[in-house]
Protein backbone atom coordinates (compact mmCIF):
# COMPACT_ATOMS: atom_id res chain seq x y z
CA MET A 1 73.40 86.78 172.52
CA ILE A 2 74.95 84.28 169.66
CA ILE A 3 73.85 82.20 166.68
CA THR A 4 75.21 78.53 165.99
CA LEU A 5 75.64 77.40 162.06
CA SER A 6 75.40 73.25 162.39
CA ARG A 7 76.00 72.40 158.59
CA GLN A 8 76.08 69.59 156.35
CA TYR A 9 79.53 69.11 154.76
CA LEU A 10 80.20 71.73 151.98
CA ALA A 11 76.76 73.32 152.50
CA GLY A 12 78.28 77.12 152.76
CA ALA A 13 78.28 77.99 156.16
CA ASP A 14 81.91 79.79 156.16
CA LYS A 15 80.24 82.63 153.89
CA VAL A 16 77.00 82.57 155.71
CA ALA A 17 78.55 83.08 158.95
CA GLU A 18 81.00 85.82 157.67
CA GLY A 19 77.37 87.71 156.17
CA VAL A 20 75.40 87.23 159.27
CA ALA A 21 78.72 88.91 161.25
CA ALA A 22 79.53 91.06 159.07
CA GLU A 23 75.42 93.11 158.77
CA LEU A 24 75.67 92.59 162.94
CA GLY A 25 78.91 93.72 163.56
CA TRP A 26 79.20 90.04 165.61
CA THR A 27 82.61 87.50 165.83
CA VAL A 28 82.77 84.59 163.86
CA VAL A 29 84.27 82.04 165.87
CA ASP A 30 86.29 79.40 163.35
CA ASP A 31 89.41 79.27 163.07
CA ALA A 32 90.08 80.82 166.03
CA PHE A 33 88.39 78.53 168.18
CA ILE A 34 91.29 75.83 166.21
CA GLU A 35 93.91 77.86 167.30
CA THR A 36 92.05 77.75 171.19
CA LEU A 37 92.06 74.14 171.20
CA ALA A 38 95.41 73.43 169.92
CA GLU A 39 96.64 75.81 172.76
CA ARG A 40 94.96 74.02 175.73
CA SER A 41 95.10 70.33 174.32
CA GLY A 42 98.54 70.21 173.14
CA PHE A 43 97.42 68.82 169.54
CA ASP A 44 99.03 71.29 166.95
CA ARG A 45 96.85 73.02 164.85
CA GLU A 46 96.42 70.63 161.45
CA ASP A 47 95.98 67.47 164.48
CA VAL A 48 93.14 69.46 165.70
CA LYS A 49 91.09 69.76 162.52
CA GLY A 50 91.76 66.34 161.81
CA LEU A 51 90.92 64.93 165.37
CA GLU A 52 88.19 67.04 165.27
CA GLU A 53 86.24 64.94 162.51
CA ARG A 54 88.02 61.67 163.86
CA VAL A 55 86.55 61.71 167.07
CA PRO A 56 83.41 60.10 166.54
CA THR A 57 85.64 57.30 164.92
CA PHE A 58 87.34 57.06 168.04
CA MET A 59 84.66 56.97 170.31
CA GLU A 60 83.29 53.79 168.99
CA ARG A 61 85.28 51.64 170.88
CA PHE A 62 83.79 53.31 174.02
CA ALA A 63 80.31 53.14 172.87
CA GLN A 64 79.49 50.58 175.37
CA SER A 65 80.53 52.62 178.21
CA SER A 66 78.93 55.11 180.18
CA ALA A 67 82.32 57.24 180.53
CA LEU A 68 81.21 58.88 177.67
CA SER A 69 78.12 60.30 179.21
CA MET A 70 79.23 60.91 182.79
CA PRO A 71 82.74 62.90 182.12
CA GLU A 72 83.00 62.89 185.78
CA LEU A 73 84.05 59.45 185.74
CA LEU A 74 87.02 59.70 183.01
CA ALA A 75 88.00 63.23 185.56
CA SER A 76 88.82 61.66 188.72
CA ALA A 77 90.45 58.33 186.32
CA PRO A 78 93.85 57.56 187.46
CA ASP A 79 96.34 59.23 185.06
CA ALA A 80 96.50 55.03 183.85
CA ILE A 81 93.77 54.80 182.04
CA ALA A 82 93.68 59.16 181.21
CA GLU A 83 91.12 59.81 178.16
CA PRO A 84 92.33 58.73 175.03
CA GLU A 85 93.20 61.97 172.68
CA ALA A 86 90.09 61.82 170.78
CA ILE A 87 87.98 61.85 173.89
CA LYS A 88 90.32 64.05 175.50
CA LEU A 89 89.76 66.63 172.70
CA ALA A 90 86.04 66.35 171.93
CA HIS A 91 85.28 67.04 176.39
CA ILE A 92 87.89 70.30 175.68
CA THR A 93 86.02 71.17 173.07
CA ARG A 94 82.64 71.41 174.74
CA ASP A 95 84.33 72.96 177.68
CA LEU A 96 85.34 75.68 175.42
CA VAL A 97 81.73 76.15 173.55
CA THR A 98 80.14 76.86 176.76
CA GLU A 99 82.86 79.25 177.77
CA LEU A 100 81.58 81.33 174.39
CA GLY A 101 77.97 80.56 175.03
CA ARG A 102 78.31 82.98 177.59
CA ARG A 103 80.00 85.36 175.24
CA ASP A 104 77.99 88.41 173.69
CA ARG A 105 77.80 88.83 169.70
CA VAL A 106 79.40 85.69 168.74
CA VAL A 107 78.52 83.64 165.32
CA LEU A 108 79.58 79.49 166.50
CA VAL A 109 80.05 77.61 163.12
CA GLY A 110 80.22 73.30 164.23
CA ARG A 111 81.73 71.78 167.61
CA ALA A 112 78.14 70.34 168.10
CA ALA A 113 77.64 74.16 169.36
CA ALA A 114 73.67 73.73 169.00
CA ALA A 115 73.95 70.93 171.68
CA VAL A 116 76.27 72.23 174.23
CA LEU A 117 74.23 75.08 174.18
CA ALA A 118 70.61 73.80 173.41
CA ARG A 119 69.60 75.86 176.57
CA GLU A 120 70.90 79.03 176.16
CA ARG A 121 68.08 81.11 175.97
CA ASP A 122 69.59 84.41 174.04
CA ALA A 123 70.27 81.99 170.81
CA ILE A 124 69.57 81.49 167.11
CA HIS A 125 70.68 77.80 166.10
CA VAL A 126 70.31 77.11 162.15
CA PHE A 127 71.29 73.97 160.35
CA LEU A 128 72.82 74.69 156.97
CA VAL A 129 71.90 71.98 154.09
CA ALA A 130 72.16 71.50 150.57
CA SER A 131 71.61 68.13 148.08
CA VAL A 132 74.65 65.98 147.95
CA ALA A 133 74.97 66.53 144.15
CA TYR A 134 75.44 70.73 145.00
CA ARG A 135 77.80 69.21 147.51
CA VAL A 136 79.81 66.70 145.14
CA LYS A 137 80.27 69.17 142.54
CA GLU A 138 81.73 72.06 145.56
CA ALA A 139 84.28 69.52 146.63
CA MET A 140 85.77 68.48 142.62
CA ARG A 141 85.27 72.65 142.39
CA ARG A 142 87.18 73.11 145.51
CA TYR A 143 89.84 70.45 146.14
CA GLY A 144 90.06 68.92 142.53
CA MET A 145 88.75 65.89 143.33
CA SER A 146 87.00 63.05 141.44
CA GLU A 147 83.78 62.86 141.54
CA SER A 148 84.02 59.50 143.03
CA GLN A 149 86.22 61.24 145.44
CA ALA A 150 84.11 63.99 146.15
CA ARG A 151 80.73 61.37 147.07
CA ALA A 152 82.84 60.05 149.21
CA ALA A 153 84.49 62.83 151.20
CA VAL A 154 80.92 64.36 151.37
CA SER A 155 79.58 61.00 153.12
CA GLU A 156 82.63 60.09 155.50
CA ARG A 157 82.31 64.38 156.66
CA ASP A 158 78.70 64.02 157.12
CA SER A 159 78.31 60.57 158.78
CA ASN A 160 80.99 61.83 161.18
CA ARG A 161 79.14 64.70 162.34
CA ALA A 162 75.93 62.58 162.84
CA ARG A 163 78.42 59.88 165.09
CA TYR A 164 79.75 62.98 166.74
CA HIS A 165 76.65 64.45 168.30
CA ARG A 166 75.22 61.18 168.81
CA GLU A 167 78.29 59.65 170.63
CA LEU A 168 78.73 62.85 172.85
CA TYR A 169 75.37 64.10 173.35
CA GLN A 170 72.92 61.69 172.20
CA ARG A 171 70.69 63.47 170.29
CA VAL A 172 69.95 62.98 166.16
CA TRP A 173 72.22 66.05 164.08
CA ALA A 174 70.07 66.31 161.09
CA ASP A 175 67.08 66.47 163.60
CA PRO A 176 65.01 69.86 162.67
CA VAL A 177 63.47 69.79 166.32
CA ASN A 178 66.92 70.58 167.05
CA TYR A 179 66.86 73.79 165.21
CA HIS A 180 65.32 77.06 164.88
CA PHE A 181 65.99 77.02 161.23
CA VAL A 182 67.17 74.61 158.62
CA LEU A 183 67.97 76.71 155.64
CA ASN A 184 69.07 75.12 151.74
CA THR A 185 71.81 77.13 150.94
CA GLU A 186 71.60 75.81 147.25
CA LEU A 187 67.80 76.85 146.80
CA LEU A 188 68.19 79.97 148.83
CA GLY A 189 72.50 80.99 148.34
CA THR A 190 74.06 82.18 151.90
CA GLU A 191 73.19 85.00 151.23
CA GLY A 192 69.60 84.17 150.83
CA ALA A 193 70.21 81.98 154.18
CA ALA A 194 71.91 85.16 155.81
CA ALA A 195 69.06 87.42 155.15
CA MET A 196 67.15 84.85 156.77
CA ILE A 197 69.03 84.12 159.80
CA LEU A 198 69.24 88.41 160.15
CA SER A 199 65.83 88.72 160.09
CA ARG A 200 65.37 86.49 162.87
CA ALA A 201 67.58 88.75 164.91
CA ARG A 202 66.98 91.72 164.09
CA ALA A 203 62.84 90.91 165.45
CA LEU A 204 64.82 90.02 168.47
CA GLY A 205 66.54 92.99 168.53
CA TRP A 206 69.84 91.83 168.54
CA ARG A 207 72.34 94.84 167.00
């Protein structure tokens, strides 16, 4: 049993995840994921946080190559043409999410988990959204950005996440067909969004 939360930038996934996990008595995998990635990849924690969002930009250089969709080619490549660090991190991320999918009672935030675990039957995949205006205000409030800086940050982070899914998983990140729920946290609030997820989890008999 696993719940994945995909999210637009600053759509409140952290609070939704905490609310769902607290009610069910489950574990949220977020910061701990970054620590494990850092350990496995050899990057420090700050590198991992930054690289994860920048991976798609690096991947564009390899968009014409089949290597991304055929990781076994990368695995068999000689050391002289080892994976660039961004691609290496992307594949380690995928493998770790796959491992987490075998665990029970986990709420997993981001990391393209809905794509990696798309065939997992005991899963609820959720996409959290909110208007650009709302998220721009959140960026200004949280990080002291100007409106123009906040708008650029929201656009860049959303674009990066969309590109990450497209390049690595050949999926449209925002396609509602890929999720059980698309929930608007601006309209529902994070508590309301969590309540809807919990309702479905309980209907499935999850505790």
